[in-house]
Amino acid sequence: MDDHGFILGILLSHIDRADRPLSARVQPDVPNDPPPTIRRKWMEQLESILGALHDGGLVWGDAKAENVLIDRDNNAWITDFGGGYTEGWVDKELAETVDGDLMGMAKIKRLLFASG
C-alpha cells in the first residue's frame, strides 16, 4: 500500500492458449484462416487493451505479433512488458513509448488484414 492508501500491484491471469502466438496463427497468404471476423475481434481487443494501458500511463514497450497470445477461446492477450524493442516492428528511437506501441500496432494490423 502506498502513502495514499492505494494498493500497488499487477493482476496476472493464466492464459489458456493454444501454444501459438498471433504471429503463428495468421498467415498473410491465407486470408480466411482464421476468418476475418476473428481477426477483427483480435484487433478490437488489442486496441482496447493498448488504450487502457496508455490511459493508465503505461506502455507495452515491445509491440509485435510474437507478444500477442491467442487463448483457446480466441481472445487476444498482450504479453511481454519487460521493455526493449524488436527491429522491424518498432524503431529504436521509439522503443518503450506510446508512439512505439502505435507503430507496432499498425504493423500488427497490417499482418491481420494484409489481403484486405
N, C-alpha and C. Protein backbone atom coordinates (compact mmCIF):
# COMPACT_ATOMS: atom_id res chain seq x y z
N MET A 1 0.85 -1.16 0.00
CA MET A 1 0.00 0.00 0.00
C MET A 1 0.91 1.23 0.00
N ASP A 2 0.53 2.24 -0.80
CA ASP A 2 1.35 3.45 -0.85
C ASP A 2 0.91 4.45 0.21
N ASP A 3 1.50 5.63 0.20
CA ASP A 3 1.22 6.66 1.21
C ASP A 3 -0.20 7.21 1.13
N HIS A 4 -0.89 6.97 0.02
CA HIS A 4 -2.24 7.48 -0.17
C HIS A 4 -3.31 6.41 0.03
N GLY A 5 -2.89 5.24 0.48
CA GLY A 5 -3.84 4.17 0.73
C GLY A 5 -4.18 3.31 -0.48
N PHE A 6 -3.44 3.49 -1.58
CA PHE A 6 -3.68 2.69 -2.77
C PHE A 6 -2.81 1.44 -2.74
N ILE A 7 -3.36 0.35 -3.19
CA ILE A 7 -2.60 -0.89 -3.30
C ILE A 7 -1.95 -0.90 -4.68
N LEU A 8 -0.66 -1.07 -4.70
CA LEU A 8 0.08 -1.10 -5.96
C LEU A 8 0.38 -2.54 -6.33
N GLY A 9 0.18 -2.88 -7.58
CA GLY A 9 0.47 -4.24 -8.00
C GLY A 9 0.02 -4.48 -9.41
N ILE A 10 0.12 -5.69 -9.83
CA ILE A 10 -0.31 -6.08 -11.17
C ILE A 10 -1.12 -7.37 -11.04
N LEU A 11 -2.20 -7.42 -11.77
CA LEU A 11 -3.05 -8.61 -11.78
C LEU A 11 -2.60 -9.50 -12.92
N LEU A 12 -2.26 -10.70 -12.61
CA LEU A 12 -1.84 -11.65 -13.63
C LEU A 12 -2.93 -12.69 -13.83
N SER A 13 -3.16 -13.02 -15.08
CA SER A 13 -4.16 -14.03 -15.42
C SER A 13 -3.47 -15.17 -16.16
N HIS A 14 -3.94 -16.37 -15.89
CA HIS A 14 -3.46 -17.51 -16.67
C HIS A 14 -4.11 -17.43 -18.04
N ILE A 15 -3.31 -17.56 -19.08
CA ILE A 15 -3.84 -17.54 -20.45
C ILE A 15 -3.82 -18.96 -20.96
N ASP A 16 -5.01 -19.53 -21.10
CA ASP A 16 -5.14 -20.89 -21.62
C ASP A 16 -5.02 -20.80 -23.13
N ARG A 17 -3.80 -20.96 -23.59
CA ARG A 17 -3.53 -20.70 -25.00
C ARG A 17 -3.34 -21.99 -25.78
N ALA A 18 -3.36 -21.85 -27.06
CA ALA A 18 -3.17 -22.99 -27.95
C ALA A 18 -1.70 -23.13 -28.34
N ASP A 19 -0.80 -22.66 -27.49
CA ASP A 19 0.64 -22.76 -27.69
C ASP A 19 1.15 -22.03 -28.92
N ARG A 20 0.43 -21.01 -29.35
CA ARG A 20 0.88 -20.26 -30.52
C ARG A 20 0.58 -18.78 -30.35
N PRO A 21 1.55 -17.95 -30.61
CA PRO A 21 1.31 -16.51 -30.60
C PRO A 21 0.58 -16.09 -31.87
N LEU A 22 0.14 -14.86 -31.91
CA LEU A 22 -0.56 -14.32 -33.08
C LEU A 22 0.26 -14.52 -34.35
N SER A 23 1.56 -14.33 -34.26
CA SER A 23 2.42 -14.46 -35.44
C SER A 23 2.34 -15.85 -36.07
N ALA A 24 2.01 -16.86 -35.30
CA ALA A 24 1.88 -18.22 -35.83
C ALA A 24 0.44 -18.57 -36.20
N ARG A 25 -0.50 -17.74 -35.78
CA ARG A 25 -1.92 -18.00 -36.06
C ARG A 25 -2.38 -17.37 -37.37
N VAL A 26 -1.62 -16.40 -37.86
CA VAL A 26 -2.04 -15.64 -39.05
C VAL A 26 -1.00 -15.83 -40.15
N GLN A 27 -1.46 -16.26 -41.29
CA GLN A 27 -0.60 -16.37 -42.47
C GLN A 27 -1.15 -15.41 -43.52
N PRO A 28 -0.38 -14.40 -43.92
CA PRO A 28 -0.89 -13.40 -44.87
C PRO A 28 -1.44 -13.99 -46.17
N ASP A 29 -0.90 -15.12 -46.61
CA ASP A 29 -1.36 -15.72 -47.87
C ASP A 29 -2.59 -16.60 -47.69
N VAL A 30 -3.11 -16.68 -46.46
CA VAL A 30 -4.34 -17.45 -46.19
C VAL A 30 -5.32 -16.51 -45.48
N PRO A 31 -6.00 -15.64 -46.23
CA PRO A 31 -6.80 -14.57 -45.63
C PRO A 31 -8.03 -15.01 -44.85
N ASN A 32 -8.50 -16.23 -45.02
CA ASN A 32 -9.71 -16.66 -44.32
C ASN A 32 -9.45 -17.66 -43.21
N ASP A 33 -8.21 -17.83 -42.81
CA ASP A 33 -7.87 -18.73 -41.71
C ASP A 33 -6.86 -18.04 -40.81
N PRO A 34 -7.30 -17.52 -39.70
CA PRO A 34 -8.67 -17.50 -39.18
C PRO A 34 -9.55 -16.53 -39.97
N PRO A 35 -10.86 -16.68 -39.82
CA PRO A 35 -11.80 -15.84 -40.57
C PRO A 35 -11.65 -14.36 -40.22
N PRO A 36 -12.05 -13.49 -41.15
CA PRO A 36 -11.97 -12.05 -40.92
C PRO A 36 -12.68 -11.59 -39.64
N THR A 37 -13.78 -12.24 -39.27
CA THR A 37 -14.48 -11.84 -38.05
C THR A 37 -13.61 -12.05 -36.82
N ILE A 38 -12.85 -13.12 -36.79
CA ILE A 38 -11.94 -13.39 -35.67
C ILE A 38 -10.79 -12.38 -35.69
N ARG A 39 -10.27 -12.09 -36.85
CA ARG A 39 -9.18 -11.11 -36.96
C ARG A 39 -9.63 -9.74 -36.46
N ARG A 40 -10.85 -9.35 -36.84
CA ARG A 40 -11.39 -8.06 -36.36
C ARG A 40 -11.55 -8.07 -34.85
N LYS A 41 -12.03 -9.18 -34.31
CA LYS A 41 -12.18 -9.31 -32.86
C LYS A 41 -10.84 -9.11 -32.18
N TRP A 42 -9.80 -9.78 -32.68
CA TRP A 42 -8.47 -9.64 -32.09
C TRP A 42 -7.99 -8.19 -32.13
N MET A 43 -8.17 -7.54 -33.28
CA MET A 43 -7.70 -6.16 -33.41
C MET A 43 -8.44 -5.25 -32.44
N GLU A 44 -9.75 -5.43 -32.32
CA GLU A 44 -10.53 -4.63 -31.37
C GLU A 44 -10.06 -4.87 -29.94
N GLN A 45 -9.80 -6.12 -29.59
CA GLN A 45 -9.32 -6.42 -28.24
C GLN A 45 -7.96 -5.77 -28.00
N LEU A 46 -7.06 -5.88 -28.96
CA LEU A 46 -5.72 -5.30 -28.80
C LEU A 46 -5.78 -3.79 -28.67
N GLU A 47 -6.61 -3.16 -29.50
CA GLU A 47 -6.75 -1.70 -29.42
C GLU A 47 -7.32 -1.28 -28.07
N SER A 48 -8.27 -2.04 -27.56
CA SER A 48 -8.87 -1.73 -26.26
C SER A 48 -7.84 -1.88 -25.13
N ILE A 49 -7.11 -2.99 -25.15
CA ILE A 49 -6.09 -3.23 -24.13
C ILE A 49 -5.02 -2.14 -24.18
N LEU A 50 -4.53 -1.85 -25.37
CA LEU A 50 -3.47 -0.85 -25.50
C LEU A 50 -3.96 0.53 -25.08
N GLY A 51 -5.19 0.87 -25.42
CA GLY A 51 -5.77 2.14 -24.98
C GLY A 51 -5.84 2.23 -23.47
N ALA A 52 -6.23 1.14 -22.83
CA ALA A 52 -6.30 1.13 -21.36
C ALA A 52 -4.91 1.29 -20.75
N LEU A 53 -3.92 0.62 -21.33
CA LEU A 53 -2.54 0.79 -20.84
C LEU A 53 -2.10 2.24 -20.94
N HIS A 54 -2.30 2.83 -22.12
CA HIS A 54 -1.87 4.21 -22.34
C HIS A 54 -2.64 5.17 -21.44
N ASP A 55 -3.94 4.94 -21.26
CA ASP A 55 -4.73 5.79 -20.36
C ASP A 55 -4.20 5.73 -18.93
N GLY A 56 -3.61 4.60 -18.58
CA GLY A 56 -3.05 4.42 -17.25
C GLY A 56 -1.60 4.87 -17.14
N GLY A 57 -1.08 5.46 -18.21
CA GLY A 57 0.29 5.95 -18.19
C GLY A 57 1.33 4.86 -18.41
N LEU A 58 0.91 3.73 -18.97
CA LEU A 58 1.82 2.61 -19.20
C LEU A 58 2.04 2.40 -20.69
N VAL A 59 3.16 1.78 -21.03
CA VAL A 59 3.42 1.41 -22.42
C VAL A 59 3.67 -0.09 -22.49
N TRP A 60 3.42 -0.66 -23.65
CA TRP A 60 3.68 -2.06 -23.90
C TRP A 60 5.19 -2.27 -24.00
N GLY A 61 5.82 -1.48 -24.84
CA GLY A 61 7.27 -1.48 -24.91
C GLY A 61 7.87 -2.35 -26.00
N ASP A 62 7.31 -3.50 -26.28
CA ASP A 62 7.84 -4.39 -27.32
C ASP A 62 6.67 -4.92 -28.14
N ALA A 63 6.01 -3.99 -28.82
CA ALA A 63 4.81 -4.32 -29.59
C ALA A 63 5.18 -5.10 -30.85
N LYS A 64 4.74 -6.33 -30.88
CA LYS A 64 4.94 -7.19 -32.05
C LYS A 64 4.00 -8.38 -31.95
N ALA A 65 3.78 -9.04 -33.08
CA ALA A 65 2.83 -10.16 -33.12
C ALA A 65 3.25 -11.32 -32.23
N GLU A 66 4.55 -11.52 -32.04
CA GLU A 66 5.02 -12.61 -31.19
C GLU A 66 4.65 -12.38 -29.72
N ASN A 67 4.35 -11.14 -29.36
CA ASN A 67 3.99 -10.81 -27.98
C ASN A 67 2.49 -10.68 -27.79
N VAL A 68 1.74 -11.27 -28.69
CA VAL A 68 0.28 -11.37 -28.56
C VAL A 68 -0.05 -12.86 -28.52
N LEU A 69 -0.68 -13.29 -27.44
CA LEU A 69 -1.10 -14.69 -27.34
C LEU A 69 -2.60 -14.78 -27.61
N ILE A 70 -2.99 -15.84 -28.26
CA ILE A 70 -4.40 -16.12 -28.54
C ILE A 70 -4.80 -17.32 -27.69
N ASP A 71 -5.82 -17.11 -26.84
CA ASP A 71 -6.22 -18.21 -25.97
C ASP A 71 -7.16 -19.18 -26.69
N ARG A 72 -7.54 -20.23 -26.00
CA ARG A 72 -8.38 -21.27 -26.61
C ARG A 72 -9.78 -20.77 -26.98
N ASP A 73 -10.19 -19.63 -26.40
CA ASP A 73 -11.48 -19.04 -26.73
C ASP A 73 -11.35 -17.95 -27.78
N ASN A 74 -10.20 -17.87 -28.43
CA ASN A 74 -9.92 -16.89 -29.47
C ASN A 74 -9.93 -15.45 -28.97
N ASN A 75 -9.39 -15.24 -27.78
CA ASN A 75 -9.19 -13.89 -27.25
C ASN A 75 -7.72 -13.54 -27.35
N ALA A 76 -7.45 -12.28 -27.68
CA ALA A 76 -6.07 -11.80 -27.81
C ALA A 76 -5.60 -11.20 -26.50
N TRP A 77 -4.35 -11.49 -26.14
CA TRP A 77 -3.73 -11.00 -24.91
C TRP A 77 -2.37 -10.39 -25.24
N ILE A 78 -2.12 -9.20 -24.74
CA ILE A 78 -0.81 -8.56 -24.88
C ILE A 78 0.11 -9.10 -23.79
N THR A 79 1.33 -9.49 -24.17
CA THR A 79 2.30 -10.02 -23.21
C THR A 79 3.65 -9.32 -23.39
N ASP A 80 4.55 -9.59 -22.49
CA ASP A 80 5.94 -9.13 -22.52
C ASP A 80 6.06 -7.63 -22.30
N PHE A 81 6.03 -7.28 -21.04
CA PHE A 81 6.18 -5.88 -20.64
C PHE A 81 7.58 -5.62 -20.10
N GLY A 82 8.55 -6.43 -20.51
CA GLY A 82 9.90 -6.31 -19.98
C GLY A 82 10.72 -5.20 -20.60
N GLY A 83 10.13 -4.47 -21.52
CA GLY A 83 10.87 -3.39 -22.17
C GLY A 83 11.61 -3.88 -23.40
N GLY A 84 12.30 -2.97 -24.02
CA GLY A 84 13.04 -3.29 -25.22
C GLY A 84 12.22 -3.03 -26.47
N TYR A 85 12.76 -3.47 -27.58
CA TYR A 85 12.06 -3.33 -28.85
C TYR A 85 12.59 -4.41 -29.78
N THR A 86 11.88 -4.65 -30.85
CA THR A 86 12.31 -5.63 -31.84
C THR A 86 12.45 -4.93 -33.18
N GLU A 87 13.65 -4.99 -33.72
CA GLU A 87 13.91 -4.37 -35.02
C GLU A 87 12.92 -4.91 -36.05
N GLY A 88 12.40 -4.02 -36.84
CA GLY A 88 11.41 -4.40 -37.84
C GLY A 88 9.98 -4.18 -37.37
N TRP A 89 9.80 -4.06 -36.08
CA TRP A 89 8.48 -3.80 -35.52
C TRP A 89 8.37 -2.37 -34.99
N VAL A 90 9.38 -1.92 -34.28
CA VAL A 90 9.39 -0.58 -33.69
C VAL A 90 10.77 0.02 -33.91
N ASP A 91 10.81 1.29 -34.33
CA ASP A 91 12.09 1.98 -34.48
C ASP A 91 12.75 2.15 -33.12
N LYS A 92 14.06 2.00 -33.08
CA LYS A 92 14.79 2.05 -31.81
C LYS A 92 14.50 3.32 -31.03
N GLU A 93 14.43 4.46 -31.72
CA GLU A 93 14.20 5.73 -31.01
C GLU A 93 12.79 5.85 -30.44
N LEU A 94 11.89 4.97 -30.87
CA LEU A 94 10.52 4.98 -30.34
C LEU A 94 10.28 3.85 -29.33
N ALA A 95 11.32 3.09 -29.03
CA ALA A 95 11.18 1.98 -28.09
C ALA A 95 10.67 2.47 -26.75
N GLU A 96 9.73 1.70 -26.20
CA GLU A 96 9.17 1.97 -24.88
C GLU A 96 8.47 3.32 -24.79
N THR A 97 7.79 3.70 -25.89
CA THR A 97 6.99 4.93 -25.91
C THR A 97 5.61 4.60 -26.47
N VAL A 98 4.67 5.50 -26.24
CA VAL A 98 3.33 5.35 -26.83
C VAL A 98 3.44 5.30 -28.35
N ASP A 99 4.25 6.18 -28.93
CA ASP A 99 4.41 6.17 -30.39
C ASP A 99 4.98 4.84 -30.89
N GLY A 100 5.89 4.26 -30.13
CA GLY A 100 6.42 2.95 -30.49
C GLY A 100 5.34 1.87 -30.44
N ASP A 101 4.51 1.93 -29.41
CA ASP A 101 3.39 0.99 -29.31
C ASP A 101 2.47 1.12 -30.52
N LEU A 102 2.18 2.36 -30.90
CA LEU A 102 1.28 2.59 -32.03
C LEU A 102 1.91 2.11 -33.34
N MET A 103 3.23 2.27 -33.46
CA MET A 103 3.92 1.77 -34.65
C MET A 103 3.81 0.24 -34.71
N GLY A 104 4.05 -0.42 -33.62
CA GLY A 104 3.93 -1.88 -33.58
C GLY A 104 2.51 -2.34 -33.86
N MET A 105 1.53 -1.63 -33.30
CA MET A 105 0.13 -2.00 -33.53
C MET A 105 -0.26 -1.83 -34.99
N ALA A 106 0.26 -0.79 -35.65
CA ALA A 106 -0.03 -0.60 -37.07
C ALA A 106 0.50 -1.78 -37.88
N LYS A 107 1.64 -2.30 -37.49
CA LYS A 107 2.21 -3.46 -38.20
C LYS A 107 1.42 -4.73 -37.90
N ILE A 108 0.93 -4.85 -36.68
CA ILE A 108 0.06 -5.99 -36.35
C ILE A 108 -1.22 -5.91 -37.18
N LYS A 109 -1.77 -4.73 -37.32
CA LYS A 109 -2.99 -4.55 -38.12
C LYS A 109 -2.73 -4.93 -39.58
N ARG A 110 -1.58 -4.53 -40.12
CA ARG A 110 -1.25 -4.92 -41.49
C ARG A 110 -1.11 -6.44 -41.62
N LEU A 111 -0.55 -7.08 -40.60
CA LEU A 111 -0.44 -8.54 -40.62
C LEU A 111 -1.83 -9.19 -40.64
N LEU A 112 -2.72 -8.67 -39.79
CA LEU A 112 -4.07 -9.24 -39.70
C LEU A 112 -4.89 -9.04 -40.96
N PHE A 113 -4.68 -7.90 -41.62
CA PHE A 113 -5.54 -7.54 -42.75
C PHE A 113 -4.73 -7.33 -44.03
N ALA A 114 -3.66 -8.09 -44.21
CA ALA A 114 -2.74 -7.92 -45.33
C ALA A 114 -3.42 -8.03 -46.69
N SER A 115 -4.41 -8.87 -46.79
CA SER A 115 -5.03 -9.09 -48.10
C SER A 115 -6.33 -8.31 -48.26
N GLY A 116 -6.71 -7.57 -47.24
CA GLY A 116 -7.98 -6.87 -47.37
C GLY A 116 -7.94 -5.65 -46.63
